[in-house]
Amino acid sequence: MADSHKDLSAQDARQGVETGTVRWVLRISLALAVLAGLIIYFSFFDL
């Protein structure tokens, strides 16, 4: 039985490209959630 183990670099093992898209999606969704929370808060508790 032959040894089929390969040593790969982190980039080769990942098999993907880091685009930063996930960070933008998280930031935008967090901002929208905070905005929705503020709208709901101020619609119930009039200051």
PDB file of N, CA and C in Angstrom:
ATOM      1  N   MET A   1       0.838  -1.173   0.000  1.00  0.00           N
ATOM      2  CA  MET A   1       0.000   0.000   0.000  1.00  0.00           C
ATOM      3  C   MET A   1       0.887   1.241   0.000  1.00  0.00           C
ATOM      4  N   ALA A   2       0.660   2.130  -0.944  1.00  0.00           N
ATOM      5  CA  ALA A   2       1.490   3.325  -1.088  1.00  0.00           C
ATOM      6  C   ALA A   2       1.001   4.431  -0.159  1.00  0.00           C
ATOM      7  N   ASP A   3       1.941   5.232   0.298  1.00  0.00           N
ATOM      8  CA  ASP A   3       1.606   6.359   1.161  1.00  0.00           C
ATOM      9  C   ASP A   3       1.080   7.503   0.292  1.00  0.00           C
ATOM     10  N   SER A   4      -0.192   7.847   0.448  1.00  0.00           N
ATOM     11  CA  SER A   4      -0.801   8.879  -0.385  1.00  0.00           C
ATOM     12  C   SER A   4      -0.924  10.215   0.359  1.00  0.00           C
ATOM     13  N   HIS A   5      -0.158  10.388   1.421  1.00  0.00           N
ATOM     14  CA  HIS A   5      -0.201  11.619   2.208  1.00  0.00           C
ATOM     15  C   HIS A   5       0.542  12.728   1.474  1.00  0.00           C
ATOM     16  N   LYS A   6      -0.105  13.910   1.368  1.00  0.00           N
ATOM     17  CA  LYS A   6       0.529  15.069   0.742  1.00  0.00           C
ATOM     18  C   LYS A   6       0.600  16.205   1.744  1.00  0.00           C
ATOM     19  N   ASP A   7       1.711  16.898   1.764  1.00  0.00           N
ATOM     20  CA  ASP A   7       1.835  18.097   2.579  1.00  0.00           C
ATOM     21  C   ASP A   7       1.477  19.297   1.712  1.00  0.00           C
ATOM     22  N   LEU A   8       0.425  20.018   2.122  1.00  0.00           N
ATOM     23  CA  LEU A   8      -0.032  21.177   1.370  1.00  0.00           C
ATOM     24  C   LEU A   8       0.164  22.440   2.192  1.00  0.00           C
ATOM     25  N   SER A   9       0.361  23.532   1.490  1.00  0.00           N
ATOM     26  CA  SER A   9       0.418  24.812   2.186  1.00  0.00           C
ATOM     27  C   SER A   9      -1.002  25.193   2.605  1.00  0.00           C
ATOM     28  N   ALA A  10      -1.111  26.187   3.460  1.00  0.00           N
ATOM     29  CA  ALA A  10      -2.433  26.613   3.941  1.00  0.00           C
ATOM     30  C   ALA A  10      -3.300  27.099   2.788  1.00  0.00           C
ATOM     31  N   GLN A  11      -2.712  27.819   1.842  1.00  0.00           N
ATOM     32  CA  GLN A  11      -3.478  28.338   0.704  1.00  0.00           C
ATOM     33  C   GLN A  11      -3.982  27.206  -0.177  1.00  0.00           C
ATOM     34  N   ASP A  12      -3.151  26.210  -0.425  1.00  0.00           N
ATOM     35  CA  ASP A  12      -3.569  25.081  -1.261  1.00  0.00           C
ATOM     36  C   ASP A  12      -4.624  24.231  -0.559  1.00  0.00           C
ATOM     37  N   ALA A  13      -4.514  24.077   0.738  1.00  0.00           N
ATOM     38  CA  ALA A  13      -5.478  23.269   1.471  1.00  0.00           C
ATOM     39  C   ALA A  13      -6.820  23.977   1.579  1.00  0.00           C
ATOM     40  N   ARG A  14      -6.821  25.290   1.619  1.00  0.00           N
ATOM     41  CA  ARG A  14      -8.051  26.064   1.760  1.00  0.00           C
ATOM     42  C   ARG A  14      -8.899  25.971   0.499  1.00  0.00           C
ATOM     43  N   GLN A  15      -8.298  25.984  -0.656  1.00  0.00           N
ATOM     44  CA  GLN A  15      -8.964  25.911  -1.955  1.00  0.00           C
ATOM     45  C   GLN A  15      -9.981  27.018  -2.142  1.00  0.00           C
ATOM     46  N   GLY A  16      -9.666  28.183  -1.669  1.00  0.00           N
ATOM     47  CA  GLY A  16     -10.574  29.307  -1.818  1.00  0.00           C
ATOM     48  C   GLY A  16      -9.814  30.605  -1.924  1.00  0.00           C
ATOM     49  N   VAL A  17     -10.549  31.647  -2.210  1.00  0.00           N
ATOM     50  CA  VAL A  17      -9.951  32.968  -2.344  1.00  0.00           C
ATOM     51  C   VAL A  17     -10.536  33.866  -1.266  1.00  0.00           C
ATOM     52  N   GLU A  18      -9.697  34.592  -0.586  1.00  0.00           N
ATOM     53  CA  GLU A  18     -10.166  35.531   0.433  1.00  0.00           C
ATOM     54  C   GLU A  18     -10.545  36.835  -0.258  1.00  0.00           C
ATOM     55  N   THR A  19     -11.840  37.115  -0.288  1.00  0.00           N
ATOM     56  CA  THR A  19     -12.297  38.331  -0.949  1.00  0.00           C
ATOM     57  C   THR A  19     -12.754  39.395   0.025  1.00  0.00           C
ATOM     58  N   GLY A  20     -13.023  39.036   1.263  1.00  0.00           N
ATOM     59  CA  GLY A  20     -13.507  39.997   2.230  1.00  0.00           C
ATOM     60  C   GLY A  20     -15.002  40.232   2.140  1.00  0.00           C
ATOM     61  N   THR A  21     -15.687  39.505   1.288  1.00  0.00           N
ATOM     62  CA  THR A  21     -17.124  39.676   1.112  1.00  0.00           C
ATOM     63  C   THR A  21     -17.886  39.341   2.384  1.00  0.00           C
ATOM     64  N   VAL A  22     -17.428  38.330   3.094  1.00  0.00           N
ATOM     65  CA  VAL A  22     -18.116  37.923   4.323  1.00  0.00           C
ATOM     66  C   VAL A  22     -18.079  39.043   5.345  1.00  0.00           C
ATOM     67  N   ARG A  23     -16.964  39.742   5.431  1.00  0.00           N
ATOM     68  CA  ARG A  23     -16.860  40.850   6.383  1.00  0.00           C
ATOM     69  C   ARG A  23     -17.847  41.950   6.059  1.00  0.00           C
ATOM     70  N   TRP A  24     -18.004  42.263   4.763  1.00  0.00           N
ATOM     71  CA  TRP A  24     -18.956  43.306   4.366  1.00  0.00           C
ATOM     72  C   TRP A  24     -20.384  42.877   4.662  1.00  0.00           C
ATOM     73  N   VAL A  25     -20.716  41.627   4.422  1.00  0.00           N
ATOM     74  CA  VAL A  25     -22.064  41.133   4.693  1.00  0.00           C
ATOM     75  C   VAL A  25     -22.354  41.215   6.190  1.00  0.00           C
ATOM     76  N   LEU A  26     -21.390  40.830   7.014  1.00  0.00           N
ATOM     77  CA  LEU A  26     -21.579  40.899   8.463  1.00  0.00           C
ATOM     78  C   LEU A  26     -21.735  42.339   8.949  1.00  0.00           C
ATOM     79  N   ARG A  27     -20.934  43.243   8.426  1.00  0.00           N
ATOM     80  CA  ARG A  27     -21.028  44.644   8.842  1.00  0.00           C
ATOM     81  C   ARG A  27     -22.369  45.252   8.447  1.00  0.00           C
ATOM     82  N   ILE A  28     -22.788  45.022   7.215  1.00  0.00           N
ATOM     83  CA  ILE A  28     -24.050  45.592   6.744  1.00  0.00           C
ATOM     84  C   ILE A  28     -25.229  44.993   7.494  1.00  0.00           C
ATOM     85  N   SER A  29     -25.219  43.678   7.714  1.00  0.00           N
ATOM     86  CA  SER A  29     -26.337  43.056   8.428  1.00  0.00           C
ATOM     87  C   SER A  29     -26.383  43.514   9.886  1.00  0.00           C
ATOM     88  N   LEU A  30     -25.236  43.717  10.510  1.00  0.00           N
ATOM     89  CA  LEU A  30     -25.207  44.231  11.879  1.00  0.00           C
ATOM     90  C   LEU A  30     -25.753  45.653  11.931  1.00  0.00           C
ATOM     91  N   ALA A  31     -25.365  46.477  10.982  1.00  0.00           N
ATOM     92  CA  ALA A  31     -25.860  47.855  10.946  1.00  0.00           C
ATOM     93  C   ALA A  31     -27.369  47.880  10.727  1.00  0.00           C
ATOM     94  N   LEU A  32     -27.878  47.027   9.852  1.00  0.00           N
ATOM     95  CA  LEU A  32     -29.315  46.980   9.614  1.00  0.00           C
ATOM     96  C   LEU A  32     -30.077  46.470  10.838  1.00  0.00           C
ATOM     97  N   ALA A  33     -29.500  45.516  11.553  1.00  0.00           N
ATOM     98  CA  ALA A  33     -30.143  45.000  12.758  1.00  0.00           C
ATOM     99  C   ALA A  33     -30.203  46.077  13.845  1.00  0.00           C
ATOM    100  N   VAL A  34     -29.134  46.845  13.999  1.00  0.00           N
ATOM    101  CA  VAL A  34     -29.128  47.931  14.976  1.00  0.00           C
ATOM    102  C   VAL A  34     -30.143  48.998  14.581  1.00  0.00           C
ATOM    103  N   LEU A  35     -30.187  49.335  13.311  1.00  0.00           N
ATOM    104  CA  LEU A  35     -31.147  50.320  12.827  1.00  0.00           C
ATOM    105  C   LEU A  35     -32.586  49.851  13.047  1.00  0.00           C
ATOM    106  N   ALA A  36     -32.860  48.594  12.757  1.00  0.00           N
ATOM    107  CA  ALA A  36     -34.203  48.046  12.987  1.00  0.00           C
ATOM    108  C   ALA A  36     -34.544  48.066  14.472  1.00  0.00           C
ATOM    109  N   GLY A  37     -33.595  47.745  15.320  1.00  0.00           N
ATOM    110  CA  GLY A  37     -33.825  47.791  16.761  1.00  0.00           C
ATOM    111  C   GLY A  37     -34.138  49.192  17.235  1.00  0.00           C
ATOM    112  N   LEU A  38     -33.420  50.185  16.715  1.00  0.00           N
ATOM    113  CA  LEU A  38     -33.687  51.573  17.103  1.00  0.00           C
ATOM    114  C   LEU A  38     -35.061  52.027  16.628  1.00  0.00           C
ATOM    115  N   ILE A  39     -35.434  51.649  15.423  1.00  0.00           N
ATOM    116  CA  ILE A  39     -36.757  52.020  14.908  1.00  0.00           C
ATOM    117  C   ILE A  39     -37.854  51.399  15.758  1.00  0.00           C
ATOM    118  N   ILE A  40     -37.702  50.155  16.102  1.00  0.00           N
ATOM    119  CA  ILE A  40     -38.705  49.483  16.946  1.00  0.00           C
ATOM    120  C   ILE A  40     -38.747  50.099  18.335  1.00  0.00           C
ATOM    121  N   TYR A  41     -37.585  50.396  18.895  1.00  0.00           N
ATOM    122  CA  TYR A  41     -37.525  51.000  20.228  1.00  0.00           C
ATOM    123  C   TYR A  41     -38.241  52.347  20.250  1.00  0.00           C
ATOM    124  N   PHE A  42     -37.910  53.217  19.268  1.00  0.00           N
ATOM    125  CA  PHE A  42     -38.501  54.551  19.260  1.00  0.00           C
ATOM    126  C   PHE A  42     -39.976  54.538  18.836  1.00  0.00           C
ATOM    127  N   SER A  43     -40.428  53.495  18.180  1.00  0.00           N
ATOM    128  CA  SER A  43     -41.853  53.436  17.830  1.00  0.00           C
ATOM    129  C   SER A  43     -42.699  53.045  19.047  1.00  0.00           C
ATOM    130  N   PHE A  44     -42.113  52.318  20.004  1.00  0.00           N
ATOM    131  CA  PHE A  44     -42.847  51.932  21.214  1.00  0.00           C
ATOM    132  C   PHE A  44     -42.656  52.921  22.357  1.00  0.00           C
ATOM    133  N   PHE A  45     -41.459  53.490  22.466  1.00  0.00           N
ATOM    134  CA  PHE A  45     -41.148  54.398  23.577  1.00  0.00           C
ATOM    135  C   PHE A  45     -40.873  55.769  23.007  1.00  0.00           C
ATOM    136  N   ASP A  46     -41.887  56.588  22.981  1.00  0.00           N
ATOM    137  CA  ASP A  46     -41.762  57.926  22.405  1.00  0.00           C
ATOM    138  C   ASP A  46     -41.027  58.836  23.385  1.00  0.00           C
ATOM    139  N   LEU A  47     -39.916  59.391  22.951  1.00  0.00           N
ATOM    140  CA  LEU A  47     -39.129  60.265  23.829  1.00  0.00           C
ATOM    141  C   LEU A  47     -39.334  61.713  23.472  1.00  0.00           C
TER     142      LEU A  47
END
